[in-house]
Amino acid sequence: MTEERKNRDELVELMAVQGEMEAKILYGILESEGIRVLVKSAMASGVLPFTADGMGRVRLMVREEDLTLARVIINEHLEKE
């Protein structure tokens, strides 16, 4: 694999959200647009239904090459709300 390709496949943080439910909604939106998403959380699922000092926050990770498009898709979704 070339170094350029390796860098494009590297995962970067798109955003962090306030819990698993919001993460699942955004995950579904991005996946439906063809963007692969990795959801990362420091907490075991369902342990705390709230956030405290960042605990319970969920990070959405996408490939670096998909970052710009993912931001556009999320922004369009948020504007509809």
PDB file of N, CA and C in Angstrom:
ATOM      1  N   MET A   1       0.856  -1.181   0.000  1.00  0.00           N
ATOM      2  CA  MET A   1       0.000   0.000   0.000  1.00  0.00           C
ATOM      3  C   MET A   1       0.897   1.237   0.000  1.00  0.00           C
ATOM      4  N   THR A   2       0.599   2.173  -0.856  1.00  0.00           N
ATOM      5  CA  THR A   2       1.400   3.390  -0.916  1.00  0.00           C
ATOM      6  C   THR A   2       1.131   4.251   0.308  1.00  0.00           C
ATOM      7  N   GLU A   3       2.088   5.108   0.619  1.00  0.00           N
ATOM      8  CA  GLU A   3       1.949   5.995   1.778  1.00  0.00           C
ATOM      9  C   GLU A   3       0.746   6.923   1.612  1.00  0.00           C
ATOM     10  N   GLU A   4       0.523   7.412   0.380  1.00  0.00           N
ATOM     11  CA  GLU A   4      -0.620   8.297   0.118  1.00  0.00           C
ATOM     12  C   GLU A   4      -1.932   7.577   0.399  1.00  0.00           C
ATOM     13  N   ARG A   5      -2.060   6.343  -0.066  1.00  0.00           N
ATOM     14  CA  ARG A   5      -3.286   5.562   0.155  1.00  0.00           C
ATOM     15  C   ARG A   5      -3.473   5.279   1.642  1.00  0.00           C
ATOM     16  N   LYS A   6      -2.384   4.971   2.322  1.00  0.00           N
ATOM     17  CA  LYS A   6      -2.440   4.696   3.759  1.00  0.00           C
ATOM     18  C   LYS A   6      -2.975   5.914   4.508  1.00  0.00           C
ATOM     19  N   ASN A   7      -2.510   7.109   4.153  1.00  0.00           N
ATOM     20  CA  ASN A   7      -2.975   8.334   4.803  1.00  0.00           C
ATOM     21  C   ASN A   7      -4.457   8.580   4.543  1.00  0.00           C
ATOM     22  N   ARG A   8      -4.942   8.296   3.327  1.00  0.00           N
ATOM     23  CA  ARG A   8      -6.356   8.521   3.009  1.00  0.00           C
ATOM     24  C   ARG A   8      -7.252   7.565   3.779  1.00  0.00           C
ATOM     25  N   ASP A   9      -6.742   6.370   4.092  1.00  0.00           N
ATOM     26  CA  ASP A   9      -7.523   5.378   4.825  1.00  0.00           C
ATOM     27  C   ASP A   9      -7.467   5.580   6.335  1.00  0.00           C
ATOM     28  N   GLU A  10      -6.616   6.480   6.794  1.00  0.00           N
ATOM     29  CA  GLU A  10      -6.477   6.732   8.221  1.00  0.00           C
ATOM     30  C   GLU A  10      -7.779   7.311   8.773  1.00  0.00           C
ATOM     31  N   LEU A  11      -8.173   6.831   9.948  1.00  0.00           N
ATOM     32  CA  LEU A  11      -9.402   7.326  10.567  1.00  0.00           C
ATOM     33  C   LEU A  11      -9.131   8.615  11.322  1.00  0.00           C
ATOM     34  N   VAL A  12     -10.052   9.556  11.174  1.00  0.00           N
ATOM     35  CA  VAL A  12      -9.987  10.830  11.882  1.00  0.00           C
ATOM     36  C   VAL A  12     -11.337  11.072  12.545  1.00  0.00           C
ATOM     37  N   GLU A  13     -11.326  11.879  13.581  1.00  0.00           N
ATOM     38  CA  GLU A  13     -12.573  12.167  14.291  1.00  0.00           C
ATOM     39  C   GLU A  13     -13.412  13.173  13.512  1.00  0.00           C
ATOM     40  N   LEU A  14     -14.632  12.781  13.218  1.00  0.00           N
ATOM     41  CA  LEU A  14     -15.593  13.688  12.591  1.00  0.00           C
ATOM     42  C   LEU A  14     -16.199  14.589  13.650  1.00  0.00           C
ATOM     43  N   MET A  15     -16.652  13.973  14.735  1.00  0.00           N
ATOM     44  CA  MET A  15     -17.268  14.731  15.814  1.00  0.00           C
ATOM     45  C   MET A  15     -17.474  13.831  17.017  1.00  0.00           C
ATOM     46  N   ALA A  16     -17.753  14.442  18.161  1.00  0.00           N
ATOM     47  CA  ALA A  16     -18.128  13.712  19.368  1.00  0.00           C
ATOM     48  C   ALA A  16     -19.537  14.151  19.732  1.00  0.00           C
ATOM     49  N   VAL A  17     -20.360  13.191  20.144  1.00  0.00           N
ATOM     50  CA  VAL A  17     -21.756  13.480  20.463  1.00  0.00           C
ATOM     51  C   VAL A  17     -22.074  13.033  21.883  1.00  0.00           C
ATOM     52  N   GLN A  18     -23.249  13.430  22.360  1.00  0.00           N
ATOM     53  CA  GLN A  18     -23.655  13.203  23.740  1.00  0.00           C
ATOM     54  C   GLN A  18     -24.393  11.890  23.942  1.00  0.00           C
ATOM     55  N   GLY A  19     -23.848  10.806  23.509  1.00  0.00           N
ATOM     56  CA  GLY A  19     -24.467   9.532  23.806  1.00  0.00           C
ATOM     57  C   GLY A  19     -24.672   8.640  22.607  1.00  0.00           C
ATOM     58  N   GLU A  20     -24.952   7.401  22.924  1.00  0.00           N
ATOM     59  CA  GLU A  20     -25.061   6.357  21.916  1.00  0.00           C
ATOM     60  C   GLU A  20     -26.227   6.570  20.952  1.00  0.00           C
ATOM     61  N   MET A  21     -27.353   7.058  21.434  1.00  0.00           N
ATOM     62  CA  MET A  21     -28.520   7.234  20.568  1.00  0.00           C
ATOM     63  C   MET A  21     -28.229   8.231  19.449  1.00  0.00           C
ATOM     64  N   GLU A  22     -27.674   9.381  19.805  1.00  0.00           N
ATOM     65  CA  GLU A  22     -27.329  10.383  18.792  1.00  0.00           C
ATOM     66  C   GLU A  22     -26.288   9.826  17.823  1.00  0.00           C
ATOM     67  N   ALA A  23     -25.324   9.084  18.348  1.00  0.00           N
ATOM     68  CA  ALA A  23     -24.293   8.487  17.503  1.00  0.00           C
ATOM     69  C   ALA A  23     -24.906   7.514  16.504  1.00  0.00           C
ATOM     70  N   LYS A  24     -25.865   6.714  16.943  1.00  0.00           N
ATOM     71  CA  LYS A  24     -26.505   5.742  16.052  1.00  0.00           C
ATOM     72  C   LYS A  24     -27.278   6.434  14.929  1.00  0.00           C
ATOM     73  N   ILE A  25     -27.932   7.535  15.249  1.00  0.00           N
ATOM     74  CA  ILE A  25     -28.678   8.283  14.228  1.00  0.00           C
ATOM     75  C   ILE A  25     -27.719   8.823  13.170  1.00  0.00           C
ATOM     76  N   LEU A  26     -26.649   9.473  13.618  1.00  0.00           N
ATOM     77  CA  LEU A  26     -25.682  10.041  12.679  1.00  0.00           C
ATOM     78  C   LEU A  26     -24.951   8.949  11.907  1.00  0.00           C
ATOM     79  N   TYR A  27     -24.668   7.846  12.572  1.00  0.00           N
ATOM     80  CA  TYR A  27     -24.057   6.693  11.908  1.00  0.00           C
ATOM     81  C   TYR A  27     -24.931   6.230  10.745  1.00  0.00           C
ATOM     82  N   GLY A  28     -26.219   6.089  10.995  1.00  0.00           N
ATOM     83  CA  GLY A  28     -27.144   5.643   9.955  1.00  0.00           C
ATOM     84  C   GLY A  28     -27.208   6.601   8.781  1.00  0.00           C
ATOM     85  N   ILE A  29     -27.216   7.891   9.070  1.00  0.00           N
ATOM     86  CA  ILE A  29     -27.256   8.903   8.011  1.00  0.00           C
ATOM     87  C   ILE A  29     -26.006   8.801   7.135  1.00  0.00           C
ATOM     88  N   LEU A  30     -24.852   8.722   7.769  1.00  0.00           N
ATOM     89  CA  LEU A  30     -23.600   8.655   7.014  1.00  0.00           C
ATOM     90  C   LEU A  30     -23.478   7.353   6.228  1.00  0.00           C
ATOM     91  N   GLU A  31     -23.821   6.240   6.849  1.00  0.00           N
ATOM     92  CA  GLU A  31     -23.742   4.943   6.163  1.00  0.00           C
ATOM     93  C   GLU A  31     -24.679   4.912   4.958  1.00  0.00           C
ATOM     94  N   SER A  32     -25.856   5.542   5.093  1.00  0.00           N
ATOM     95  CA  SER A  32     -26.804   5.551   3.969  1.00  0.00           C
ATOM     96  C   SER A  32     -26.269   6.358   2.788  1.00  0.00           C
ATOM     97  N   GLU A  33     -25.308   7.237   3.052  1.00  0.00           N
ATOM     98  CA  GLU A  33     -24.670   8.032   2.000  1.00  0.00           C
ATOM     99  C   GLU A  33     -23.369   7.390   1.518  1.00  0.00           C
ATOM    100  N   GLY A  34     -23.083   6.184   2.012  1.00  0.00           N
ATOM    101  CA  GLY A  34     -21.903   5.459   1.556  1.00  0.00           C
ATOM    102  C   GLY A  34     -20.621   5.768   2.299  1.00  0.00           C
ATOM    103  N   ILE A  35     -20.732   6.439   3.442  1.00  0.00           N
ATOM    104  CA  ILE A  35     -19.545   6.761   4.230  1.00  0.00           C
ATOM    105  C   ILE A  35     -19.453   5.778   5.391  1.00  0.00           C
ATOM    106  N   ARG A  36     -18.334   5.071   5.442  1.00  0.00           N
ATOM    107  CA  ARG A  36     -18.128   4.111   6.524  1.00  0.00           C
ATOM    108  C   ARG A  36     -17.746   4.859   7.788  1.00  0.00           C
ATOM    109  N   VAL A  37     -18.328   4.430   8.907  1.00  0.00           N
ATOM    110  CA  VAL A  37     -18.154   5.124  10.177  1.00  0.00           C
ATOM    111  C   VAL A  37     -17.747   4.120  11.251  1.00  0.00           C
ATOM    112  N   LEU A  38     -16.818   4.525  12.097  1.00  0.00           N
ATOM    113  CA  LEU A  38     -16.471   3.762  13.282  1.00  0.00           C
ATOM    114  C   LEU A  38     -16.941   4.574  14.474  1.00  0.00           C
ATOM    115  N   VAL A  39     -17.679   3.935  15.375  1.00  0.00           N
ATOM    116  CA  VAL A  39     -18.182   4.598  16.574  1.00  0.00           C
ATOM    117  C   VAL A  39     -17.310   4.164  17.740  1.00  0.00           C
ATOM    118  N   LYS A  40     -16.722   5.139  18.441  1.00  0.00           N
ATOM    119  CA  LYS A  40     -15.833   4.837  19.563  1.00  0.00           C
ATOM    120  C   LYS A  40     -16.379   5.477  20.828  1.00  0.00           C
ATOM    121  N   SER A  41     -16.406   4.671  21.889  1.00  0.00           N
ATOM    122  CA  SER A  41     -16.862   5.166  23.180  1.00  0.00           C
ATOM    123  C   SER A  41     -15.962   4.595  24.263  1.00  0.00           C
ATOM    124  N   ALA A  42     -15.676   5.399  25.268  1.00  0.00           N
ATOM    125  CA  ALA A  42     -14.859   4.935  26.384  1.00  0.00           C
ATOM    126  C   ALA A  42     -15.688   4.131  27.378  1.00  0.00           C
ATOM    127  N   MET A  43     -16.996   4.238  27.282  1.00  0.00           N
ATOM    128  CA  MET A  43     -17.889   3.564  28.230  1.00  0.00           C
ATOM    129  C   MET A  43     -18.496   2.328  27.597  1.00  0.00           C
ATOM    130  N   ALA A  44     -18.773   1.347  28.434  1.00  0.00           N
ATOM    131  CA  ALA A  44     -19.531   0.192  27.969  1.00  0.00           C
ATOM    132  C   ALA A  44     -20.947   0.659  27.666  1.00  0.00           C
ATOM    133  N   SER A  45     -21.531   0.110  26.641  1.00  0.00           N
ATOM    134  CA  SER A  45     -22.868   0.516  26.215  1.00  0.00           C
ATOM    135  C   SER A  45     -23.876   0.392  27.345  1.00  0.00           C
ATOM    136  N   GLY A  46     -24.617   1.462  27.574  1.00  0.00           N
ATOM    137  CA  GLY A  46     -25.705   1.424  28.542  1.00  0.00           C
ATOM    138  C   GLY A  46     -25.293   1.601  29.991  1.00  0.00           C
ATOM    139  N   VAL A  47     -24.015   1.837  30.279  1.00  0.00           N
ATOM    140  CA  VAL A  47     -23.592   1.982  31.671  1.00  0.00           C
ATOM    141  C   VAL A  47     -24.122   3.281  32.256  1.00  0.00           C
ATOM    142  N   LEU A  48     -23.886   4.384  31.565  1.00  0.00           N
ATOM    143  CA  LEU A  48     -24.379   5.679  32.031  1.00  0.00           C
ATOM    144  C   LEU A  48     -25.211   6.323  30.930  1.00  0.00           C
ATOM    145  N   PRO A  49     -26.442   6.678  31.227  1.00  0.00           N
ATOM    146  CA  PRO A  49     -27.281   7.304  30.202  1.00  0.00           C
ATOM    147  C   PRO A  49     -27.055   8.810  30.075  1.00  0.00           C
ATOM    148  N   PHE A  50     -25.984   9.326  30.662  1.00  0.00           N
ATOM    149  CA  PHE A  50     -25.699  10.760  30.646  1.00  0.00           C
ATOM    150  C   PHE A  50     -24.195  10.942  30.513  1.00  0.00           C
ATOM    151  N   THR A  51     -23.770  12.194  30.327  1.00  0.00           N
ATOM    152  CA  THR A  51     -22.337  12.466  30.261  1.00  0.00           C
ATOM    153  C   THR A  51     -21.906  13.225  31.503  1.00  0.00           C
ATOM    154  N   ALA A  52     -20.702  12.936  31.960  1.00  0.00           N
ATOM    155  CA  ALA A  52     -20.115  13.628  33.097  1.00  0.00           C
ATOM    156  C   ALA A  52     -18.629  13.782  32.802  1.00  0.00           C
ATOM    157  N   ASP A  53     -18.165  15.014  32.705  1.00  0.00           N
ATOM    158  CA  ASP A  53     -16.764  15.277  32.384  1.00  0.00           C
ATOM    159  C   ASP A  53     -16.311  14.536  31.135  1.00  0.00           C
ATOM    160  N   GLY A  54     -17.180  14.479  30.147  1.00  0.00           N
ATOM    161  CA  GLY A  54     -16.830  13.832  28.889  1.00  0.00           C
ATOM    162  C   GLY A  54     -17.081  12.342  28.852  1.00  0.00           C
ATOM    163  N   MET A  55     -17.352  11.738  30.004  1.00  0.00           N
ATOM    164  CA  MET A  55     -17.660  10.310  30.005  1.00  0.00           C
ATOM    165  C   MET A  55     -19.028  10.123  29.369  1.00  0.00           C
ATOM    166  N   GLY A  56     -19.161   9.123  28.570  1.00  0.00           N
ATOM    167  CA  GLY A  56     -20.416   8.893  27.876  1.00  0.00           C
ATOM    168  C   GLY A  56     -20.446   9.523  26.500  1.00  0.00           C
ATOM    169  N   ARG A  57     -19.448  10.362  26.222  1.00  0.00           N
ATOM    170  CA  ARG A  57     -19.361  10.952  24.878  1.00  0.00           C
ATOM    171  C   ARG A  57     -18.944   9.871  23.903  1.00  0.00           C
ATOM    172  N   VAL A  58     -19.471   9.964  22.712  1.00  0.00           N
ATOM    173  CA  VAL A  58     -19.205   8.978  21.672  1.00  0.00           C
ATOM    174  C   VAL A  58     -18.569   9.695  20.488  1.00  0.00           C
ATOM    175  N   ARG A  59     -17.481   9.139  19.995  1.00  0.00           N
ATOM    176  CA  ARG A  59     -16.750   9.741  18.875  1.00  0.00           C
ATOM    177  C   ARG A  59     -17.099   9.015  17.589  1.00  0.00           C
ATOM    178  N   LEU A  60     -17.373   9.785  16.553  1.00  0.00           N
ATOM    179  CA  LEU A  60     -17.617   9.235  15.222  1.00  0.00           C
ATOM    180  C   LEU A  60     -16.348   9.425  14.402  1.00  0.00           C
ATOM    181  N   MET A  61     -15.806   8.325  13.907  1.00  0.00           N
ATOM    182  CA  MET A  61     -14.563   8.336  13.146  1.00  0.00           C
ATOM    183  C   MET A  61     -14.858   7.965  11.693  1.00  0.00           C
ATOM    184  N   VAL A  62     -14.236   8.688  10.767  1.00  0.00           N
ATOM    185  CA  VAL A  62     -14.382   8.397   9.334  1.00  0.00           C
ATOM    186  C   VAL A  62     -12.994   8.396   8.698  1.00  0.00           C
ATOM    187  N   ARG A  63     -12.915   7.852   7.488  1.00  0.00           N
ATOM    188  CA  ARG A  63     -11.643   7.908   6.771  1.00  0.00           C
ATOM    189  C   ARG A  63     -11.337   9.363   6.446  1.00  0.00           C
ATOM    190  N   GLU A  64     -10.074   9.695   6.480  1.00  0.00           N
ATOM    191  CA  GLU A  64      -9.664  11.075   6.220  1.00  0.00           C
ATOM    192  C   GLU A  64     -10.197  11.570   4.879  1.00  0.00           C
ATOM    193  N   GLU A  65     -10.210  10.705   3.873  1.00  0.00           N
ATOM    194  CA  GLU A  65     -10.674  11.127   2.553  1.00  0.00           C
ATOM    195  C   GLU A  65     -12.174  11.393   2.528  1.00  0.00           C
ATOM    196  N   ASP A  66     -12.924  10.897   3.518  1.00  0.00           N
ATOM    197  CA  ASP A  66     -14.374  11.109   3.583  1.00  0.00           C
ATOM    198  C   ASP A  66     -14.771  12.255   4.511  1.00  0.00           C
ATOM    199  N   LEU A  67     -13.805  12.844   5.193  1.00  0.00           N
ATOM    200  CA  LEU A  67     -14.102  13.827   6.236  1.00  0.00           C
ATOM    201  C   LEU A  67     -14.903  15.024   5.722  1.00  0.00           C
ATOM    202  N   THR A  68     -14.493  15.625   4.642  1.00  0.00           N
ATOM    203  CA  THR A  68     -15.187  16.816   4.130  1.00  0.00           C
ATOM    204  C   THR A  68     -16.622  16.499   3.743  1.00  0.00           C
ATOM    205  N   LEU A  69     -16.826  15.421   3.011  1.00  0.00           N
ATOM    206  CA  LEU A  69     -18.178  15.035   2.613  1.00  0.00           C
ATOM    207  C   LEU A  69     -19.028  14.689   3.833  1.00  0.00           C
ATOM    208  N   ALA A  70     -18.454  14.006   4.800  1.00  0.00           N
ATOM    209  CA  ALA A  70     -19.196  13.654   6.014  1.00  0.00           C
ATOM    210  C   ALA A  70     -19.656  14.912   6.744  1.00  0.00           C
ATOM    211  N   ARG A  71     -18.812  15.919   6.812  1.00  0.00           N
ATOM    212  CA  ARG A  71     -19.194  17.186   7.462  1.00  0.00           C
ATOM    213  C   ARG A  71     -20.350  17.853   6.725  1.00  0.00           C
ATOM    214  N   VAL A  72     -20.303  17.842   5.403  1.00  0.00           N
ATOM    215  CA  VAL A  72     -21.386  18.433   4.607  1.00  0.00           C
ATOM    216  C   VAL A  72     -22.696  17.701   4.888  1.00  0.00           C
ATOM    217  N   ILE A  73     -22.663  16.384   4.889  1.00  0.00           N
ATOM    218  CA  ILE A  73     -23.867  15.584   5.122  1.00  0.00           C
ATOM    219  C   ILE A  73     -24.437  15.857   6.507  1.00  0.00           C
ATOM    220  N   ILE A  74     -23.585  15.877   7.521  1.00  0.00           N
ATOM    221  CA  ILE A  74     -24.048  16.131   8.894  1.00  0.00           C
ATOM    222  C   ILE A  74     -24.615  17.539   9.004  1.00  0.00           C
ATOM    223  N   ASN A  75     -23.944  18.529   8.426  1.00  0.00           N
ATOM    224  CA  ASN A  75     -24.443  19.907   8.485  1.00  0.00           C
ATOM    225  C   ASN A  75     -25.798  20.040   7.806  1.00  0.00           C
ATOM    226  N   GLU A  76     -25.986  19.384   6.672  1.00  0.00           N
ATOM    227  CA  GLU A  76     -27.286  19.418   5.993  1.00  0.00           C
ATOM    228  C   GLU A  76     -28.364  18.802   6.875  1.00  0.00           C
ATOM    229  N   HIS A  77     -28.039  17.717   7.538  1.00  0.00           N
ATOM    230  CA  HIS A  77     -28.998  17.061   8.433  1.00  0.00           C
ATOM    231  C   HIS A  77     -29.360  17.978   9.604  1.00  0.00           C
ATOM    232  N   LEU A  78     -28.357  18.613  10.196  1.00  0.00           N
ATOM    233  CA  LEU A  78     -28.604  19.472  11.355  1.00  0.00           C
ATOM    234  C   LEU A  78     -29.412  20.712  10.981  1.00  0.00           C
ATOM    235  N   GLU A  79     -29.241  21.213   9.761  1.00  0.00           N
ATOM    236  CA  GLU A  79     -30.003  22.377   9.306  1.00  0.00           C
ATOM    237  C   GLU A  79     -31.480  22.054   9.144  1.00  0.00           C
ATOM    238  N   LYS A  80     -31.804  20.796   8.867  1.00  0.00           N
ATOM    239  CA  LYS A  80     -33.198  20.382   8.699  1.00  0.00           C
ATOM    240  C   LYS A  80     -33.944  20.338  10.023  1.00  0.00           C
ATOM    241  N   GLU A  81     -33.213  20.191  11.114  1.00  0.00           N
ATOM    242  CA  GLU A  81     -33.864  20.070  12.431  1.00  0.00           C
ATOM    243  C   GLU A  81     -34.384  21.390  12.928  1.00  0.00           C
TER     244      GLU A  81
END
